Amino acid sequence: IIDEEKLRKSETDFGLVTVSISDLKPLELYKEDIPEGKMIDYLMASA
């Protein structure tokens, strides 16, 4: 259901939250902060 290209082209801002347990550090990311091709990886990380 997630189309990364469509999501990035959308005029609607989108952001998510995850936590790096490698760094013990939270990440608050907007779609422009997420590397190309990694959107689903970060959605999985948030969940």
All heavy atoms as atom14 arrays in JSON, in Angstrom:
{
  "sequence": "IIDEEKLRKSETDFGLVTVSISDLKPLELYKEDIPEGKMIDYLMASA",
  "atom14_mask": [
    [1, 1, 1, 1, 1, 1, 1, 1, 0, 0, 0, 0, 0, 0],
    [1, 1, 1, 1, 1, 1, 1, 1, 0, 0, 0, 0, 0, 0],
    [1, 1, 1, 1, 1, 1, 1, 1, 0, 0, 0, 0, 0, 0],
    [1, 1, 1, 1, 1, 1, 1, 1, 1, 0, 0, 0, 0, 0],
    [1, 1, 1, 1, 1, 1, 1, 1, 1, 0, 0, 0, 0, 0],
    [1, 1, 1, 1, 1, 1, 1, 1, 1, 0, 0, 0, 0, 0],
    [1, 1, 1, 1, 1, 1, 1, 1, 0, 0, 0, 0, 0, 0],
    [1, 1, 1, 1, 1, 1, 1, 1, 1, 1, 1, 0, 0, 0],
    [1, 1, 1, 1, 1, 1, 1, 1, 1, 0, 0, 0, 0, 0],
    [1, 1, 1, 1, 1, 1, 0, 0, 0, 0, 0, 0, 0, 0],
    [1, 1, 1, 1, 1, 1, 1, 1, 1, 0, 0, 0, 0, 0],
    [1, 1, 1, 1, 1, 1, 1, 0, 0, 0, 0, 0, 0, 0],
    [1, 1, 1, 1, 1, 1, 1, 1, 0, 0, 0, 0, 0, 0],
    [1, 1, 1, 1, 1, 1, 1, 1, 1, 1, 1, 0, 0, 0],
    [1, 1, 1, 1, 0, 0, 0, 0, 0, 0, 0, 0, 0, 0],
    [1, 1, 1, 1, 1, 1, 1, 1, 0, 0, 0, 0, 0, 0],
    [1, 1, 1, 1, 1, 1, 1, 0, 0, 0, 0, 0, 0, 0],
    [1, 1, 1, 1, 1, 1, 1, 0, 0, 0, 0, 0, 0, 0],
    [1, 1, 1, 1, 1, 1, 1, 0, 0, 0, 0, 0, 0, 0],
    [1, 1, 1, 1, 1, 1, 0, 0, 0, 0, 0, 0, 0, 0],
    [1, 1, 1, 1, 1, 1, 1, 1, 0, 0, 0, 0, 0, 0],
    [1, 1, 1, 1, 1, 1, 0, 0, 0, 0, 0, 0, 0, 0],
    [1, 1, 1, 1, 1, 1, 1, 1, 0, 0, 0, 0, 0, 0],
    [1, 1, 1, 1, 1, 1, 1, 1, 0, 0, 0, 0, 0, 0],
    [1, 1, 1, 1, 1, 1, 1, 1, 1, 0, 0, 0, 0, 0],
    [1, 1, 1, 1, 1, 1, 1, 0, 0, 0, 0, 0, 0, 0],
    [1, 1, 1, 1, 1, 1, 1, 1, 0, 0, 0, 0, 0, 0],
    [1, 1, 1, 1, 1, 1, 1, 1, 1, 0, 0, 0, 0, 0],
    [1, 1, 1, 1, 1, 1, 1, 1, 0, 0, 0, 0, 0, 0],
    [1, 1, 1, 1, 1, 1, 1, 1, 1, 1, 1, 1, 0, 0],
    [1, 1, 1, 1, 1, 1, 1, 1, 1, 0, 0, 0, 0, 0],
    [1, 1, 1, 1, 1, 1, 1, 1, 1, 0, 0, 0, 0, 0],
    [1, 1, 1, 1, 1, 1, 1, 1, 0, 0, 0, 0, 0, 0],
    [1, 1, 1, 1, 1, 1, 1, 1, 0, 0, 0, 0, 0, 0],
    [1, 1, 1, 1, 1, 1, 1, 0, 0, 0, 0, 0, 0, 0],
    [1, 1, 1, 1, 1, 1, 1, 1, 1, 0, 0, 0, 0, 0],
    [1, 1, 1, 1, 0, 0, 0, 0, 0, 0, 0, 0, 0, 0],
    [1, 1, 1, 1, 1, 1, 1, 1, 1, 0, 0, 0, 0, 0],
    [1, 1, 1, 1, 1, 1, 1, 1, 0, 0, 0, 0, 0, 0],
    [1, 1, 1, 1, 1, 1, 1, 1, 0, 0, 0, 0, 0, 0],
    [1, 1, 1, 1, 1, 1, 1, 1, 0, 0, 0, 0, 0, 0],
    [1, 1, 1, 1, 1, 1, 1, 1, 1, 1, 1, 1, 0, 0],
    [1, 1, 1, 1, 1, 1, 1, 1, 0, 0, 0, 0, 0, 0],
    [1, 1, 1, 1, 1, 1, 1, 1, 0, 0, 0, 0, 0, 0],
    [1, 1, 1, 1, 1, 0, 0, 0, 0, 0, 0, 0, 0, 0],
    [1, 1, 1, 1, 1, 1, 0, 0, 0, 0, 0, 0, 0, 0],
    [1, 1, 1, 1, 1, 0, 0, 0, 0, 0, 0, 0, 0, 0]
  ],
  "atom14_positions": [
    [[0.8, -1.23, 0.0], [0.0, 0.0, 0.0], [0.83, 1.28, 0.0], [0.37, 2.32, -0.45], [-0.98, 0.0, 1.2], [-2.05, 1.08, 0.99], [-0.25, 0.17, 2.54], [-3.26, 0.92, 1.87], [0.0, 0.0, 0.0], [0.0, 0.0, 0.0], [0.0, 0.0, 0.0], [0.0, 0.0, 0.0], [0.0, 0.0, 0.0], [0.0, 0.0, 0.0]],
    [[2.07, 1.22, 0.49], [2.9, 2.43, 0.53], [3.67, 2.57, -0.78], [4.39, 1.67, -1.2], [3.88, 2.41, 1.72], [3.11, 2.42, 3.04], [4.83, 3.61, 1.66], [2.22, 3.63, 3.25], [0.0, 0.0, 0.0], [0.0, 0.0, 0.0], [0.0, 0.0, 0.0], [0.0, 0.0, 0.0], [0.0, 0.0, 0.0], [0.0, 0.0, 0.0]],
    [[3.51, 3.72, -1.41], [4.22, 4.06, -2.64], [5.17, 5.21, -2.29], [4.74, 6.36, -2.14], [3.22, 4.49, -3.72], [3.86, 4.8, -5.06], [5.04, 5.24, -5.07], [3.19, 4.62, -6.09], [0.0, 0.0, 0.0], [0.0, 0.0, 0.0], [0.0, 0.0, 0.0], [0.0, 0.0, 0.0], [0.0, 0.0, 0.0], [0.0, 0.0, 0.0]],
    [[6.46, 4.89, -2.11], [7.41, 5.91, -1.65], [7.45, 7.12, -2.57], [7.47, 8.26, -2.1], [8.81, 5.31, -1.49], [9.83, 6.34, -1.01], [11.16, 5.75, -0.61], [11.25, 4.52, -0.4], [12.13, 6.53, -0.5], [0.0, 0.0, 0.0], [0.0, 0.0, 0.0], [0.0, 0.0, 0.0], [0.0, 0.0, 0.0], [0.0, 0.0, 0.0]],
    [[7.46, 6.89, -3.86], [7.52, 8.01, -4.8], [6.29, 8.91, -4.66], [6.39, 10.14, -4.63], [7.63, 7.48, -6.24], [7.78, 8.6, -7.27], [7.9, 8.06, -8.69], [7.88, 6.82, -8.87], [8.01, 8.89, -9.61], [0.0, 0.0, 0.0], [0.0, 0.0, 0.0], [0.0, 0.0, 0.0], [0.0, 0.0, 0.0], [0.0, 0.0, 0.0]],
    [[5.14, 8.28, -4.55], [3.89, 9.03, -4.4], [3.88, 9.82, -3.09], [3.46, 10.98, -3.05], [2.72, 8.05, -4.44], [1.35, 8.69, -4.53], [0.29, 7.6, -4.69], [-1.1, 8.19, -4.84], [-2.13, 7.11, -4.98], [0.0, 0.0, 0.0], [0.0, 0.0, 0.0], [0.0, 0.0, 0.0], [0.0, 0.0, 0.0], [0.0, 0.0, 0.0]],
    [[4.37, 9.19, -2.02], [4.43, 9.85, -0.71], [5.36, 11.05, -0.75], [5.05, 12.12, -0.22], [4.88, 8.84, 0.35], [5.05, 9.35, 1.78], [3.75, 9.97, 2.3], [5.49, 8.21, 2.7], [0.0, 0.0, 0.0], [0.0, 0.0, 0.0], [0.0, 0.0, 0.0], [0.0, 0.0, 0.0], [0.0, 0.0, 0.0], [0.0, 0.0, 0.0]],
    [[6.5, 10.89, -1.4], [7.47, 12.0, -1.45], [6.95, 13.15, -2.32], [7.23, 14.32, -2.03], [8.81, 11.5, -1.99], [9.56, 10.59, -1.01], [10.95, 10.26, -1.51], [11.65, 9.35, -0.61], [12.28, 9.73, 0.51], [12.3, 11.01, 0.85], [12.9, 8.84, 1.26], [0.0, 0.0, 0.0], [0.0, 0.0, 0.0], [0.0, 0.0, 0.0]],
    [[6.2, 12.85, -3.36], [5.68, 13.89, -4.24], [4.46, 14.6, -3.67], [4.1, 15.69, -4.12], [5.34, 13.29, -5.61], [6.56, 12.94, -6.45], [6.14, 12.39, -7.8], [7.37, 12.1, -8.68], [6.98, 11.53, -10.01], [0.0, 0.0, 0.0], [0.0, 0.0, 0.0], [0.0, 0.0, 0.0], [0.0, 0.0, 0.0], [0.0, 0.0, 0.0]],
    [[3.82, 13.97, -2.7], [2.63, 14.57, -2.09], [2.97, 15.91, -1.44], [4.05, 16.09, -0.86], [2.05, 13.62, -1.03], [1.06, 14.28, -0.27], [0.0, 0.0, 0.0], [0.0, 0.0, 0.0], [0.0, 0.0, 0.0], [0.0, 0.0, 0.0], [0.0, 0.0, 0.0], [0.0, 0.0, 0.0], [0.0, 0.0, 0.0], [0.0, 0.0, 0.0]],
    [[2.05, 16.86, -1.54], [2.25, 18.16, -0.91], [2.03, 18.11, 0.6], [2.31, 19.07, 1.31], [1.31, 19.2, -1.54], [1.63, 19.5, -3.0], [0.71, 20.55, -3.58], [-0.17, 21.04, -2.84], [0.88, 20.89, -4.77], [0.0, 0.0, 0.0], [0.0, 0.0, 0.0], [0.0, 0.0, 0.0], [0.0, 0.0, 0.0], [0.0, 0.0, 0.0]],
    [[1.53, 16.99, 1.08], [1.27, 16.84, 2.52], [2.56, 16.47, 3.25], [3.24, 15.51, 2.87], [0.23, 15.73, 2.76], [-0.98, 16.05, 2.05], [-0.1, 15.6, 4.25], [0.0, 0.0, 0.0], [0.0, 0.0, 0.0], [0.0, 0.0, 0.0], [0.0, 0.0, 0.0], [0.0, 0.0, 0.0], [0.0, 0.0, 0.0], [0.0, 0.0, 0.0]],
    [[2.91, 17.24, 4.26], [4.07, 16.91, 5.1], [3.81, 15.58, 5.81], [2.69, 15.3, 6.25], [4.3, 17.99, 6.15], [4.74, 19.31, 5.55], [5.52, 19.29, 4.59], [4.29, 20.37, 6.05], [0.0, 0.0, 0.0], [0.0, 0.0, 0.0], [0.0, 0.0, 0.0], [0.0, 0.0, 0.0], [0.0, 0.0, 0.0], [0.0, 0.0, 0.0]],
    [[4.87, 14.78, 5.94], [4.75, 13.51, 6.67], [5.98, 13.28, 7.54], [7.11, 13.43, 7.07], [4.58, 12.33, 5.71], [4.71, 11.0, 6.41], [3.74, 10.58, 7.31], [5.83, 10.19, 6.21], [3.88, 9.38, 7.99], [5.97, 8.99, 6.89], [5.0, 8.58, 7.78], [0.0, 0.0, 0.0], [0.0, 0.0, 0.0], [0.0, 0.0, 0.0]],
    [[5.75, 12.93, 8.8], [6.86, 12.66, 9.7], [6.59, 11.48, 10.61], [5.43, 11.1, 10.83], [0.0, 0.0, 0.0], [0.0, 0.0, 0.0], [0.0, 0.0, 0.0], [0.0, 0.0, 0.0], [0.0, 0.0, 0.0], [0.0, 0.0, 0.0], [0.0, 0.0, 0.0], [0.0, 0.0, 0.0], [0.0, 0.0, 0.0], [0.0, 0.0, 0.0]],
    [[7.66, 10.87, 11.13], [7.53, 9.71, 12.0], [8.57, 9.78, 13.12], [9.5, 10.57, 13.08], [7.68, 8.4, 11.21], [8.97, 8.17, 10.4], [10.12, 7.71, 11.27], [8.72, 7.12, 9.31], [0.0, 0.0, 0.0], [0.0, 0.0, 0.0], [0.0, 0.0, 0.0], [0.0, 0.0, 0.0], [0.0, 0.0, 0.0], [0.0, 0.0, 0.0]],
    [[8.39, 8.89, 14.1], [9.31, 8.8, 15.23], [9.78, 7.36, 15.38], [8.98, 6.42, 15.28], [8.63, 9.25, 16.54], [9.61, 9.12, 17.72], [8.12, 10.67, 16.43], [0.0, 0.0, 0.0], [0.0, 0.0, 0.0], [0.0, 0.0, 0.0], [0.0, 0.0, 0.0], [0.0, 0.0, 0.0], [0.0, 0.0, 0.0], [0.0, 0.0, 0.0]],
    [[11.07, 7.18, 15.59], [11.63, 5.88, 15.95], [12.75, 6.12, 16.96], [13.05, 7.26, 17.3], [12.12, 5.1, 14.71], [12.53, 3.78, 15.12], [13.29, 5.8, 14.04], [0.0, 0.0, 0.0], [0.0, 0.0, 0.0], [0.0, 0.0, 0.0], [0.0, 0.0, 0.0], [0.0, 0.0, 0.0], [0.0, 0.0, 0.0], [0.0, 0.0, 0.0]],
    [[13.35, 5.05, 17.45], [14.43, 5.17, 18.43], [15.57, 4.25, 18.01], [15.35, 3.06, 17.74], [13.96, 4.79, 19.86], [15.14, 4.8, 20.83], [12.89, 5.76, 20.33], [0.0, 0.0, 0.0], [0.0, 0.0, 0.0], [0.0, 0.0, 0.0], [0.0, 0.0, 0.0], [0.0, 0.0, 0.0], [0.0, 0.0, 0.0], [0.0, 0.0, 0.0]],
    [[16.78, 4.81, 17.92], [17.96, 3.99, 17.64], [18.42, 3.35, 18.95], [18.81, 4.04, 19.88], [19.08, 4.86, 17.06], [20.3, 4.12, 17.05], [0.0, 0.0, 0.0], [0.0, 0.0, 0.0], [0.0, 0.0, 0.0], [0.0, 0.0, 0.0], [0.0, 0.0, 0.0], [0.0, 0.0, 0.0], [0.0, 0.0, 0.0], [0.0, 0.0, 0.0]],
    [[18.37, 2.02, 19.0], [18.89, 1.36, 20.2], [20.4, 1.15, 20.07], [21.06, 0.8, 21.04], [18.17, 0.03, 20.51], [18.25, -0.95, 19.34], [16.74, 0.27, 20.9], [17.71, -2.33, 19.68], [0.0, 0.0, 0.0], [0.0, 0.0, 0.0], [0.0, 0.0, 0.0], [0.0, 0.0, 0.0], [0.0, 0.0, 0.0], [0.0, 0.0, 0.0]],
    [[20.92, 1.37, 18.88], [22.38, 1.35, 18.72], [23.0, 2.58, 19.38], [24.04, 2.5, 20.04], [22.74, 1.33, 17.23], [22.24, 0.17, 16.61], [0.0, 0.0, 0.0], [0.0, 0.0, 0.0], [0.0, 0.0, 0.0], [0.0, 0.0, 0.0], [0.0, 0.0, 0.0], [0.0, 0.0, 0.0], [0.0, 0.0, 0.0], [0.0, 0.0, 0.0]],
    [[22.33, 3.73, 19.22], [22.84, 4.99, 19.78], [22.09, 5.41, 21.04], [22.47, 6.4, 21.67], [22.71, 6.11, 18.75], [23.47, 5.82, 17.47], [24.52, 5.18, 17.55], [22.97, 6.22, 16.39], [0.0, 0.0, 0.0], [0.0, 0.0, 0.0], [0.0, 0.0, 0.0], [0.0, 0.0, 0.0], [0.0, 0.0, 0.0], [0.0, 0.0, 0.0]],
    [[21.02, 4.69, 21.37], [20.11, 5.08, 22.45], [19.66, 6.54, 22.24], [19.78, 7.4, 23.1], [20.77, 4.92, 23.83], [19.79, 4.88, 25.03], [18.82, 3.73, 24.9], [20.54, 4.8, 26.34], [0.0, 0.0, 0.0], [0.0, 0.0, 0.0], [0.0, 0.0, 0.0], [0.0, 0.0, 0.0], [0.0, 0.0, 0.0], [0.0, 0.0, 0.0]],
    [[19.12, 6.76, 21.03], [18.79, 8.13, 20.62], [17.5, 8.14, 19.82], [17.31, 7.35, 18.91], [19.94, 8.67, 19.76], [19.72, 10.03, 19.17], [20.88, 10.4, 18.25], [20.65, 11.72, 17.54], [21.75, 12.04, 16.59], [0.0, 0.0, 0.0], [0.0, 0.0, 0.0], [0.0, 0.0, 0.0], [0.0, 0.0, 0.0], [0.0, 0.0, 0.0]],
    [[16.56, 9.05, 20.17], [15.33, 9.15, 19.38], [15.56, 9.87, 18.07], [16.44, 10.74, 17.97], [14.41, 9.97, 20.3], [15.33, 10.82, 21.09], [16.57, 9.99, 21.31], [0.0, 0.0, 0.0], [0.0, 0.0, 0.0], [0.0, 0.0, 0.0], [0.0, 0.0, 0.0], [0.0, 0.0, 0.0], [0.0, 0.0, 0.0], [0.0, 0.0, 0.0]],
    [[14.76, 9.52, 17.06], [14.81, 10.2, 15.77], [13.41, 10.67, 15.43], [12.46, 9.88, 15.39], [15.31, 9.26, 14.66], [16.82, 9.0, 14.58], [17.21, 7.94, 15.6], [17.2, 8.55, 13.17], [0.0, 0.0, 0.0], [0.0, 0.0, 0.0], [0.0, 0.0, 0.0], [0.0, 0.0, 0.0], [0.0, 0.0, 0.0], [0.0, 0.0, 0.0]],
    [[13.28, 11.98, 15.18], [12.03, 12.58, 14.7], [12.29, 13.04, 13.27], [12.97, 14.03, 13.05], [11.61, 13.74, 15.59], [11.35, 13.33, 17.04], [11.1, 14.53, 17.93], [12.09, 15.21, 18.29], [9.93, 14.79, 18.26], [0.0, 0.0, 0.0], [0.0, 0.0, 0.0], [0.0, 0.0, 0.0], [0.0, 0.0, 0.0], [0.0, 0.0, 0.0]],
    [[11.74, 12.32, 12.31], [12.12, 12.51, 10.91], [10.93, 12.9, 10.04], [9.84, 12.31, 10.16], [12.72, 11.21, 10.35], [13.9, 10.6, 11.12], [14.23, 9.23, 10.54], [15.11, 11.52, 11.07], [0.0, 0.0, 0.0], [0.0, 0.0, 0.0], [0.0, 0.0, 0.0], [0.0, 0.0, 0.0], [0.0, 0.0, 0.0], [0.0, 0.0, 0.0]],
    [[11.15, 13.88, 9.17], [10.2, 14.13, 8.09], [10.66, 13.36, 6.86], [11.8, 12.88, 6.79], [10.09, 15.63, 7.8], [9.06, 16.31, 8.69], [9.44, 17.02, 9.82], [7.7, 16.2, 8.4], [8.49, 17.61, 10.64], [6.75, 16.78, 9.2], [7.14, 17.49, 10.32], [6.2, 18.05, 11.13], [0.0, 0.0, 0.0], [0.0, 0.0, 0.0]],
    [[9.76, 13.23, 5.89], [10.07, 12.39, 4.73], [11.33, 12.85, 4.0], [12.08, 12.04, 3.47], [8.88, 12.33, 3.77], [8.4, 13.66, 3.22], [7.13, 13.47, 2.38], [6.62, 14.79, 1.83], [5.35, 14.63, 1.06], [0.0, 0.0, 0.0], [0.0, 0.0, 0.0], [0.0, 0.0, 0.0], [0.0, 0.0, 0.0], [0.0, 0.0, 0.0]],
    [[11.6, 14.17, 4.03], [12.8, 14.67, 3.37], [14.08, 14.3, 4.12], [15.18, 14.39, 3.57], [12.72, 16.19, 3.16], [12.49, 16.99, 4.42], [11.01, 17.26, 4.7], [10.17, 16.44, 4.28], [10.73, 18.29, 5.34], [0.0, 0.0, 0.0], [0.0, 0.0, 0.0], [0.0, 0.0, 0.0], [0.0, 0.0, 0.0], [0.0, 0.0, 0.0]],
    [[13.93, 13.9, 5.41], [15.09, 13.49, 6.2], [15.45, 12.02, 5.97], [16.53, 11.57, 6.37], [14.81, 13.69, 7.7], [14.43, 15.12, 8.04], [15.06, 16.03, 7.46], [13.51, 15.32, 8.85], [0.0, 0.0, 0.0], [0.0, 0.0, 0.0], [0.0, 0.0, 0.0], [0.0, 0.0, 0.0], [0.0, 0.0, 0.0], [0.0, 0.0, 0.0]],
    [[14.54, 11.29, 5.37], [14.73, 9.84, 5.18], [15.39, 9.59, 3.82], [14.91, 10.09, 2.79], [13.38, 9.11, 5.28], [12.81, 9.28, 6.69], [13.51, 7.64, 4.92], [11.39, 8.79, 6.85], [0.0, 0.0, 0.0], [0.0, 0.0, 0.0], [0.0, 0.0, 0.0], [0.0, 0.0, 0.0], [0.0, 0.0, 0.0], [0.0, 0.0, 0.0]],
    [[16.47, 8.83, 3.78], [17.16, 8.58, 2.51], [16.24, 7.93, 1.47], [15.34, 7.16, 1.82], [18.3, 7.62, 2.91], [18.52, 7.86, 4.36], [17.16, 8.19, 4.92], [0.0, 0.0, 0.0], [0.0, 0.0, 0.0], [0.0, 0.0, 0.0], [0.0, 0.0, 0.0], [0.0, 0.0, 0.0], [0.0, 0.0, 0.0], [0.0, 0.0, 0.0]],
    [[16.48, 8.25, 0.22], [15.71, 7.66, -0.9], [15.77, 6.14, -0.83], [16.83, 5.55, -0.58], [16.28, 8.13, -2.23], [16.09, 9.61, -2.52], [14.68, 9.94, -2.98], [13.95, 9.01, -3.38], [14.31, 11.14, -2.94], [0.0, 0.0, 0.0], [0.0, 0.0, 0.0], [0.0, 0.0, 0.0], [0.0, 0.0, 0.0], [0.0, 0.0, 0.0]],
    [[14.62, 5.53, -1.02], [14.53, 4.07, -1.04], [14.43, 3.43, 0.34], [14.36, 2.2, 0.44], [0.0, 0.0, 0.0], [0.0, 0.0, 0.0], [0.0, 0.0, 0.0], [0.0, 0.0, 0.0], [0.0, 0.0, 0.0], [0.0, 0.0, 0.0], [0.0, 0.0, 0.0], [0.0, 0.0, 0.0], [0.0, 0.0, 0.0], [0.0, 0.0, 0.0]],
    [[14.42, 4.23, 1.4], [14.42, 3.7, 2.77], [13.13, 3.99, 3.53], [13.05, 3.74, 4.73], [15.6, 4.29, 3.55], [16.97, 3.93, 3.0], [17.22, 2.43, 3.13], [18.63, 2.07, 2.66], [18.89, 0.6, 2.77], [0.0, 0.0, 0.0], [0.0, 0.0, 0.0], [0.0, 0.0, 0.0], [0.0, 0.0, 0.0], [0.0, 0.0, 0.0]],
    [[12.1, 4.5, 2.84], [10.88, 4.9, 3.53], [10.24, 3.73, 4.28], [9.87, 3.84, 5.45], [9.87, 5.49, 2.54], [8.62, 6.06, 3.2], [8.99, 7.5, 4.24], [9.45, 8.7, 2.97], [0.0, 0.0, 0.0], [0.0, 0.0, 0.0], [0.0, 0.0, 0.0], [0.0, 0.0, 0.0], [0.0, 0.0, 0.0], [0.0, 0.0, 0.0]],
    [[10.1, 2.59, 3.62], [9.47, 1.43, 4.26], [10.34, 0.91, 5.41], [9.82, 0.49, 6.45], [9.16, 0.34, 3.22], [8.0, 0.81, 2.33], [8.81, -0.98, 3.9], [7.65, -0.1, 1.19], [0.0, 0.0, 0.0], [0.0, 0.0, 0.0], [0.0, 0.0, 0.0], [0.0, 0.0, 0.0], [0.0, 0.0, 0.0], [0.0, 0.0, 0.0]],
    [[11.65, 0.98, 5.24], [12.55, 0.57, 6.33], [12.28, 1.4, 7.59], [12.21, 0.86, 8.7], [14.01, 0.74, 5.92], [14.45, -0.25, 4.86], [13.84, -1.33, 4.77], [15.4, 0.06, 4.12], [0.0, 0.0, 0.0], [0.0, 0.0, 0.0], [0.0, 0.0, 0.0], [0.0, 0.0, 0.0], [0.0, 0.0, 0.0], [0.0, 0.0, 0.0]],
    [[12.11, 2.7, 7.41], [11.88, 3.57, 8.57], [10.46, 3.43, 9.13], [10.26, 3.59, 10.33], [12.22, 5.02, 8.23], [13.7, 5.3, 8.35], [14.56, 5.14, 7.26], [14.25, 5.68, 9.58], [15.94, 5.37, 7.38], [15.62, 5.92, 9.7], [16.45, 5.76, 8.61], [17.82, 5.98, 8.74], [0.0, 0.0, 0.0], [0.0, 0.0, 0.0]],
    [[9.5, 3.14, 8.27], [8.15, 2.85, 8.76], [8.17, 1.58, 9.61], [7.53, 1.52, 10.68], [7.18, 2.68, 7.59], [6.8, 3.95, 6.84], [6.02, 3.61, 5.58], [5.99, 4.9, 7.73], [0.0, 0.0, 0.0], [0.0, 0.0, 0.0], [0.0, 0.0, 0.0], [0.0, 0.0, 0.0], [0.0, 0.0, 0.0], [0.0, 0.0, 0.0]],
    [[8.9, 0.58, 9.16], [9.06, -0.65, 9.94], [9.78, -0.36, 11.26], [9.42, -0.91, 12.31], [9.84, -1.69, 9.14], [9.09, -2.29, 7.96], [7.74, -3.38, 8.45], [8.65, -4.76, 9.2], [0.0, 0.0, 0.0], [0.0, 0.0, 0.0], [0.0, 0.0, 0.0], [0.0, 0.0, 0.0], [0.0, 0.0, 0.0], [0.0, 0.0, 0.0]],
    [[10.78, 0.51, 11.2], [11.54, 0.84, 12.42], [10.64, 1.53, 13.45], [10.71, 1.25, 14.64], [12.71, 1.74, 12.06], [0.0, 0.0, 0.0], [0.0, 0.0, 0.0], [0.0, 0.0, 0.0], [0.0, 0.0, 0.0], [0.0, 0.0, 0.0], [0.0, 0.0, 0.0], [0.0, 0.0, 0.0], [0.0, 0.0, 0.0], [0.0, 0.0, 0.0]],
    [[9.79, 2.43, 12.97], [8.9, 3.15, 13.88], [7.93, 2.21, 14.57], [7.49, 2.46, 15.7], [8.1, 4.22, 13.11], [7.25, 4.95, 13.97], [0.0, 0.0, 0.0], [0.0, 0.0, 0.0], [0.0, 0.0, 0.0], [0.0, 0.0, 0.0], [0.0, 0.0, 0.0], [0.0, 0.0, 0.0], [0.0, 0.0, 0.0], [0.0, 0.0, 0.0]],
    [[7.61, 1.09, 13.9], [6.63, 0.13, 14.43], [7.3, -1.15, 14.92], [6.65, -2.2, 15.0], [5.61, -0.19, 13.35], [0.0, 0.0, 0.0], [0.0, 0.0, 0.0], [0.0, 0.0, 0.0], [0.0, 0.0, 0.0], [0.0, 0.0, 0.0], [0.0, 0.0, 0.0], [0.0, 0.0, 0.0], [0.0, 0.0, 0.0], [0.0, 0.0, 0.0]]
  ]
}
